[in-house]
Amino acid sequence: MTRRDLEHSTANDLLRRHAHGIYAGTGLPDEEGLPEALALLQGLTIGTPRVASFDTAATLWGLLHGELHPPFHLSSPAKGCRTERPQLVIGHRIKIPEQFVTELHGVRVTDPAWTWLDLSLRGSKERAVVLGDQVIRHPRREYGEAGHRLAAIEDLRAAVRVRGRTRGICHVREALELIREGVDSPQETRLRYYMHLAGLPEPRVNPVIHHASGYPWFQPDLAVEEFQVSIQYEGEEFHSAPASVRKDVRRSEITEELGWLEVRITRDHMEDQGRRAVARIQRALAQRGWRPRNYRPQS
């Protein structure tokens, strides 16, 4: 568009100027129903070496909840110029191998493995484990979920290996060894992580527990099978409906019939790094004969 066209369109409220050279329509017909923020992000990346990264990439992949909005995180080649547009772009300069760059919704973006690594390097080990569990999680068809997992654990390992030595990489490598497939929610990951910090036996994630006849009877969120302790995280969103309550009661009955001990954890138990949750699980394990490694019986 010519300068005159731009001035005319902005004066008549047909275009809105967001930054130098970046305009967005205001009410013009849009056959694809493209969200303005996504169109703006396309305008900032198409035909450039810039790549959507960090929180912006995580939002596009669904790893971070919430709507896509400025300021956008954009990474430029390490030897190039950093893009800085106040309140519109947060610029980064970093070398991203092409194998970790893809296209999503018409935007060049870091792939899920590299996005996980970017966020993990700037966050805690706990956050790295939580995000890693989400990235490699397979959608549950029985819950009506569609699609495919974002990445495999091998992809995360490859991203860490290629990134090499950088600040924070040690705690990311440690977090990588704690990531597990099959976790349904971030709270379940946190609970498993808190058990790890407390030195408790590592539980299996969503194992199917069978009756002696071989029939599958129930599937706890976490289970320490050696001591027959099942752990259920009761999220309010999914477990407060009457049908869910009846299902949970029946599951508890089945658990007891099979000789298992069930521990039910709620959000209140998860405060202070899961102190109360860990204590409940410790008591259940102790009832079944578990002892800490440094335990010494009194003479």
Protein backbone atom coordinates (compact mmCIF):
# COMPACT_ATOMS: atom_id res chain seq x y z
CA MET A 1 0.00 0.00 0.00
CA THR A 2 1.18 3.51 -0.70
CA ARG A 3 1.71 6.00 2.10
CA ARG A 4 -1.42 7.82 0.93
CA ASP A 5 -3.46 4.59 1.09
CA LEU A 6 -2.19 3.92 4.61
CA GLU A 7 -3.00 7.43 5.78
CA HIS A 8 -6.49 7.23 4.24
CA SER A 9 -7.20 3.82 5.78
CA THR A 10 -6.01 4.77 9.25
CA ALA A 11 -7.90 8.08 9.12
CA ASN A 12 -11.10 6.19 8.27
CA ASP A 13 -10.49 3.53 10.97
CA LEU A 14 -9.99 0.76 8.44
CA LEU A 15 -6.46 0.06 9.64
CA ARG A 16 -4.81 0.37 13.04
CA ARG A 17 -1.10 1.12 13.26
CA HIS A 18 0.66 -1.13 15.77
CA ALA A 19 4.25 -0.23 14.98
CA HIS A 20 6.37 1.10 12.18
CA GLY A 21 5.33 -0.78 9.05
CA ILE A 22 2.86 -3.00 10.93
CA TYR A 23 -0.87 -2.45 10.48
CA ALA A 24 -3.94 -4.57 11.26
CA GLY A 25 -7.45 -4.37 9.83
CA THR A 26 -10.34 -3.12 11.94
CA GLY A 27 -13.55 -4.73 10.78
CA LEU A 28 -12.54 -5.60 7.23
CA PRO A 29 -14.06 -8.88 5.96
CA ASP A 30 -11.91 -11.83 6.99
CA GLU A 31 -12.95 -15.05 5.29
CA GLU A 32 -10.66 -17.19 7.43
CA GLY A 33 -11.62 -15.58 10.72
CA LEU A 34 -7.93 -15.05 11.54
CA PRO A 35 -7.41 -13.67 15.05
CA GLU A 36 -5.78 -10.24 14.97
CA ALA A 37 -2.90 -11.27 17.24
CA LEU A 38 -2.04 -14.22 14.99
CA ALA A 39 -2.22 -12.06 11.85
CA LEU A 40 0.06 -9.55 13.55
CA LEU A 41 2.53 -12.31 14.45
CA GLN A 42 2.48 -13.52 10.85
CA GLY A 43 3.27 -9.99 9.70
CA LEU A 44 6.27 -9.87 12.02
CA THR A 45 7.74 -13.20 10.88
CA ILE A 46 6.79 -13.94 7.25
CA GLY A 47 9.71 -13.39 4.90
CA THR A 48 12.14 -12.81 7.77
CA PRO A 49 14.65 -14.96 9.68
CA ARG A 50 12.70 -14.28 12.88
CA VAL A 51 11.11 -17.17 14.75
CA ALA A 52 8.34 -17.11 17.38
CA SER A 53 9.88 -18.53 20.55
CA PHE A 54 9.69 -18.80 24.34
CA ASP A 55 6.24 -17.94 25.80
CA THR A 56 4.81 -17.05 22.39
CA ALA A 57 5.75 -20.43 20.93
CA ALA A 58 4.49 -22.18 24.07
CA THR A 59 1.12 -20.44 23.72
CA LEU A 60 0.88 -21.44 20.06
CA TRP A 61 1.59 -25.07 20.99
CA GLY A 62 -0.89 -25.02 23.89
CA LEU A 63 1.78 -25.52 26.56
CA LEU A 64 0.84 -22.22 28.17
CA HIS A 65 -2.83 -21.41 28.60
CA GLY A 66 -4.35 -18.11 27.63
CA GLU A 67 -4.81 -16.09 24.47
CA LEU A 68 -2.00 -15.13 22.13
CA HIS A 69 -1.16 -11.46 22.64
CA PRO A 70 1.71 -8.96 22.41
CA PRO A 71 4.44 -8.54 23.35
CA PHE A 72 5.58 -11.46 21.22
CA HIS A 73 8.84 -13.30 21.86
CA LEU A 74 10.82 -13.38 18.60
CA SER A 75 14.26 -14.92 18.19
CA SER A 76 16.67 -13.70 15.53
CA PRO A 77 19.91 -15.35 14.35
CA ALA A 78 22.78 -14.94 16.80
CA LYS A 79 24.79 -12.80 14.36
CA GLY A 80 21.82 -10.73 13.25
CA CYS A 81 20.07 -7.74 14.75
CA ARG A 82 17.79 -8.18 17.72
CA THR A 83 14.24 -7.08 17.00
CA GLU A 84 12.94 -4.65 19.60
CA ARG A 85 9.54 -3.01 19.30
CA PRO A 86 8.31 -1.68 22.68
CA GLN A 87 5.09 -3.40 23.86
CA LEU A 88 4.99 -5.41 20.63
CA VAL A 89 8.15 -7.55 20.48
CA ILE A 90 10.57 -8.98 23.04
CA GLY A 91 13.65 -9.77 21.00
CA HIS A 92 16.18 -12.57 21.50
CA ARG A 93 19.35 -13.39 19.59
CA ILE A 94 20.12 -17.09 19.54
CA LYS A 95 21.21 -19.74 17.08
CA ILE A 96 18.33 -22.14 16.49
CA PRO A 97 19.13 -25.12 14.23
CA GLU A 98 16.63 -25.47 11.39
CA GLN A 99 15.72 -28.96 12.58
CA PHE A 100 14.03 -27.30 15.57
CA VAL A 101 12.12 -24.71 13.53
CA THR A 102 8.75 -25.46 11.96
CA GLU A 103 5.61 -23.62 10.82
CA LEU A 104 2.37 -23.40 12.77
CA HIS A 105 -0.66 -21.32 11.71
CA GLY A 106 1.50 -19.61 9.09
CA VAL A 107 4.14 -18.58 11.64
CA ARG A 108 7.75 -19.74 11.81
CA VAL A 109 8.05 -21.11 15.33
CA THR A 110 10.40 -23.18 17.47
CA ASP A 111 9.21 -26.78 17.60
CA PRO A 112 7.81 -28.21 20.86
CA ALA A 113 11.12 -29.74 21.98
CA TRP A 114 13.10 -26.52 21.57
CA THR A 115 10.25 -24.49 23.08
CA TRP A 116 10.32 -26.78 26.14
CA LEU A 117 14.07 -26.28 26.40
CA ASP A 118 13.83 -22.48 26.13
CA LEU A 119 11.27 -22.30 28.94
CA SER A 120 13.06 -24.88 31.10
CA LEU A 121 16.39 -23.04 30.95
CA ARG A 122 14.70 -19.96 32.41
CA GLY A 123 12.57 -21.75 34.99
CA SER A 124 12.79 -24.20 37.85
CA LYS A 125 13.45 -27.93 37.63
CA GLU A 126 9.84 -28.51 38.70
CA ARG A 127 8.54 -26.44 35.79
CA ALA A 128 10.81 -28.31 33.37
CA VAL A 129 9.33 -31.64 34.51
CA VAL A 130 5.75 -30.34 34.34
CA LEU A 131 6.18 -28.95 30.81
CA GLY A 132 8.09 -32.04 29.69
CA ASP A 133 5.26 -34.33 30.82
CA GLN A 134 2.82 -32.19 28.81
CA VAL A 135 4.97 -32.19 25.66
CA ILE A 136 5.29 -35.98 25.45
CA ARG A 137 1.72 -36.74 26.58
CA HIS A 138 -0.45 -38.78 24.21
CA PRO A 139 -4.06 -37.49 23.92
CA ARG A 140 -6.48 -39.77 25.75
CA ARG A 141 -9.05 -41.03 23.23
CA GLU A 142 -11.30 -42.24 26.04
CA TYR A 143 -11.58 -38.62 27.18
CA GLY A 144 -12.53 -37.44 23.70
CA GLU A 145 -9.10 -35.94 23.04
CA ALA A 146 -7.79 -35.90 19.47
CA GLY A 147 -4.48 -35.20 17.80
CA HIS A 148 -0.99 -36.44 18.58
CA ARG A 149 1.65 -35.83 21.21
CA LEU A 150 3.80 -32.78 20.54
CA ALA A 151 7.15 -34.55 20.85
CA ALA A 152 8.84 -37.72 22.01
CA ILE A 153 11.29 -37.94 24.88
CA GLU A 154 14.02 -38.56 22.27
CA ASP A 155 13.25 -35.13 20.75
CA LEU A 156 13.78 -33.46 24.12
CA ARG A 157 17.08 -35.28 24.56
CA ALA A 158 18.17 -34.18 21.09
CA ALA A 159 17.38 -30.53 21.85
CA VAL A 160 19.41 -30.68 25.07
CA ARG A 161 22.30 -32.39 23.30
CA VAL A 162 22.39 -29.84 20.45
CA ARG A 163 22.08 -26.85 22.81
CA GLY A 164 25.26 -27.92 24.58
CA ARG A 165 26.74 -26.02 27.48
CA THR A 166 24.69 -23.04 28.55
CA ARG A 167 23.40 -21.53 31.74
CA GLY A 168 20.80 -23.76 33.41
CA ILE A 169 21.47 -26.84 31.28
CA CYS A 170 22.46 -28.98 34.30
CA HIS A 171 19.08 -28.72 36.03
CA VAL A 172 17.37 -29.29 32.67
CA ARG A 173 19.31 -32.55 32.22
CA GLU A 174 18.24 -33.60 35.72
CA ALA A 175 14.62 -32.72 34.96
CA LEU A 176 14.79 -34.71 31.73
CA GLU A 177 15.41 -37.90 33.69
CA LEU A 178 12.20 -37.32 35.70
CA ILE A 179 9.84 -36.82 32.75
CA ARG A 180 7.36 -39.66 32.23
CA GLU A 181 4.71 -40.51 29.66
CA GLY A 182 1.01 -40.85 30.43
CA VAL A 183 0.55 -38.02 32.95
CA ASP A 184 -2.87 -36.39 32.65
CA SER A 185 -2.40 -33.11 34.51
CA PRO A 186 0.31 -30.75 35.80
CA GLN A 187 -0.81 -31.40 39.38
CA GLU A 188 -0.14 -35.12 38.97
CA THR A 189 3.35 -34.27 37.73
CA ARG A 190 3.95 -31.98 40.71
CA LEU A 191 2.79 -34.68 43.10
CA ARG A 192 5.18 -37.19 41.57
CA TYR A 193 7.98 -34.59 41.71
CA TYR A 194 7.32 -33.86 45.39
CA MET A 195 7.46 -37.61 46.10
CA HIS A 196 10.84 -37.68 44.37
CA LEU A 197 12.13 -34.80 46.51
CA ALA A 198 10.96 -36.62 49.65
CA GLY A 199 12.80 -39.81 48.70
CA LEU A 200 9.65 -41.90 48.28
CA PRO A 201 9.48 -44.83 45.86
CA GLU A 202 8.79 -43.70 42.31
CA PRO A 203 5.18 -44.45 41.41
CA ARG A 204 4.02 -45.74 38.05
CA VAL A 205 1.84 -43.37 36.03
CA ASN A 206 -1.71 -44.48 35.20
CA PRO A 207 -1.03 -48.24 35.40
CA VAL A 208 -3.91 -50.62 34.81
CA ILE A 209 -4.47 -52.77 37.91
CA HIS A 210 -5.88 -56.23 37.14
CA HIS A 211 -8.00 -58.64 39.13
CA ALA A 212 -6.51 -62.05 39.87
CA SER A 213 -8.55 -63.33 36.93
CA GLY A 214 -6.68 -60.96 34.63
CA TYR A 215 -9.60 -58.55 34.19
CA PRO A 216 -8.58 -54.83 34.32
CA TRP A 217 -10.35 -53.33 37.33
CA PHE A 218 -9.07 -49.83 37.89
CA GLN A 219 -6.44 -47.31 36.81
CA PRO A 220 -5.06 -44.98 39.49
CA ASP A 221 -3.26 -41.75 38.66
CA LEU A 222 -0.15 -43.04 40.42
CA ALA A 223 0.63 -46.39 42.00
CA VAL A 224 3.44 -47.86 44.07
CA GLU A 225 2.71 -51.44 43.09
CA GLU A 226 5.30 -53.06 45.37
CA PHE A 227 3.34 -51.85 48.40
CA GLN A 228 -0.09 -51.84 46.73
CA VAL A 229 -0.67 -48.13 47.35
CA SER A 230 -2.73 -46.22 44.79
CA ILE A 231 -2.72 -42.41 44.65
CA GLN A 232 -5.54 -40.36 43.19
CA TYR A 233 -5.39 -36.63 42.59
CA GLU A 234 -8.96 -35.35 42.88
CA GLY A 235 -9.23 -32.29 40.65
CA GLU A 236 -12.33 -30.26 41.49
CA GLU A 237 -13.15 -29.68 37.84
CA PHE A 238 -13.52 -33.36 37.03
CA HIS A 239 -14.49 -34.97 40.33
CA SER A 240 -17.26 -32.75 41.73
CA ALA A 241 -20.07 -33.83 39.37
CA PRO A 242 -22.49 -36.44 40.84
CA ALA A 243 -21.56 -39.05 38.22
CA SER A 244 -17.86 -38.55 38.96
CA VAL A 245 -18.45 -38.83 42.70
CA ARG A 246 -20.25 -42.17 42.24
CA LYS A 247 -17.47 -43.39 39.98
CA ASP A 248 -14.82 -42.41 42.54
CA VAL A 249 -16.69 -44.20 45.34
CA ARG A 250 -16.94 -47.36 43.24
CA ARG A 251 -13.23 -47.13 42.40
CA SER A 252 -12.40 -46.90 46.12
CA GLU A 253 -14.50 -49.99 46.79
CA ILE A 254 -12.73 -51.93 44.05
CA THR A 255 -9.34 -50.77 45.32
CA GLU A 256 -10.17 -52.07 48.79
CA GLU A 257 -11.53 -55.36 47.45
CA LEU A 258 -8.23 -56.01 45.66
CA GLY A 259 -6.27 -55.36 48.84
CA TRP A 260 -4.90 -51.98 47.83
CA LEU A 261 -4.70 -48.86 49.98
CA GLU A 262 -5.98 -45.70 48.29
CA VAL A 263 -4.65 -42.21 49.08
CA ARG A 264 -6.78 -39.33 47.79
CA ILE A 265 -5.04 -35.98 47.29
CA THR A 266 -6.72 -32.60 46.75
CA ARG A 267 -5.45 -29.14 45.91
CA ASP A 268 -5.27 -28.24 49.62
CA HIS A 269 -2.74 -31.01 50.19
CA MET A 270 -0.44 -29.60 47.50
CA GLU A 271 0.47 -26.36 49.26
CA ASP A 272 4.03 -25.81 50.50
CA GLN A 273 5.53 -28.17 47.90
CA GLY A 274 2.98 -30.85 48.68
CA ARG A 275 3.99 -31.22 52.32
CA ARG A 276 0.62 -32.65 53.42
CA ALA A 277 0.29 -34.80 50.32
CA VAL A 278 3.71 -36.34 50.85
CA ALA A 279 2.94 -36.98 54.54
CA ARG A 280 -0.29 -38.82 53.63
CA ILE A 281 1.53 -40.98 51.10
CA GLN A 282 4.36 -41.69 53.56
CA ARG A 283 1.87 -42.92 56.16
CA ALA A 284 0.18 -45.19 53.63
CA LEU A 285 3.49 -46.65 52.48
CA ALA A 286 4.62 -47.15 56.09
CA GLN A 287 1.41 -49.08 56.81
CA ARG A 288 2.39 -51.42 53.99
CA GLY A 289 5.91 -51.99 55.25
CA TRP A 290 7.94 -49.34 53.41
CA ARG A 291 10.86 -47.77 55.26
CA PRO A 292 13.18 -44.92 54.21
CA ARG A 293 16.64 -45.96 53.06
CA ASN A 294 18.28 -44.43 56.13
CA TYR A 295 15.76 -46.08 58.47
CA ARG A 296 17.29 -47.89 61.45
CA PRO A 297 14.97 -49.98 63.65
CA GLN A 298 15.29 -49.31 67.35
CA SER A 299 16.89 -52.12 69.37
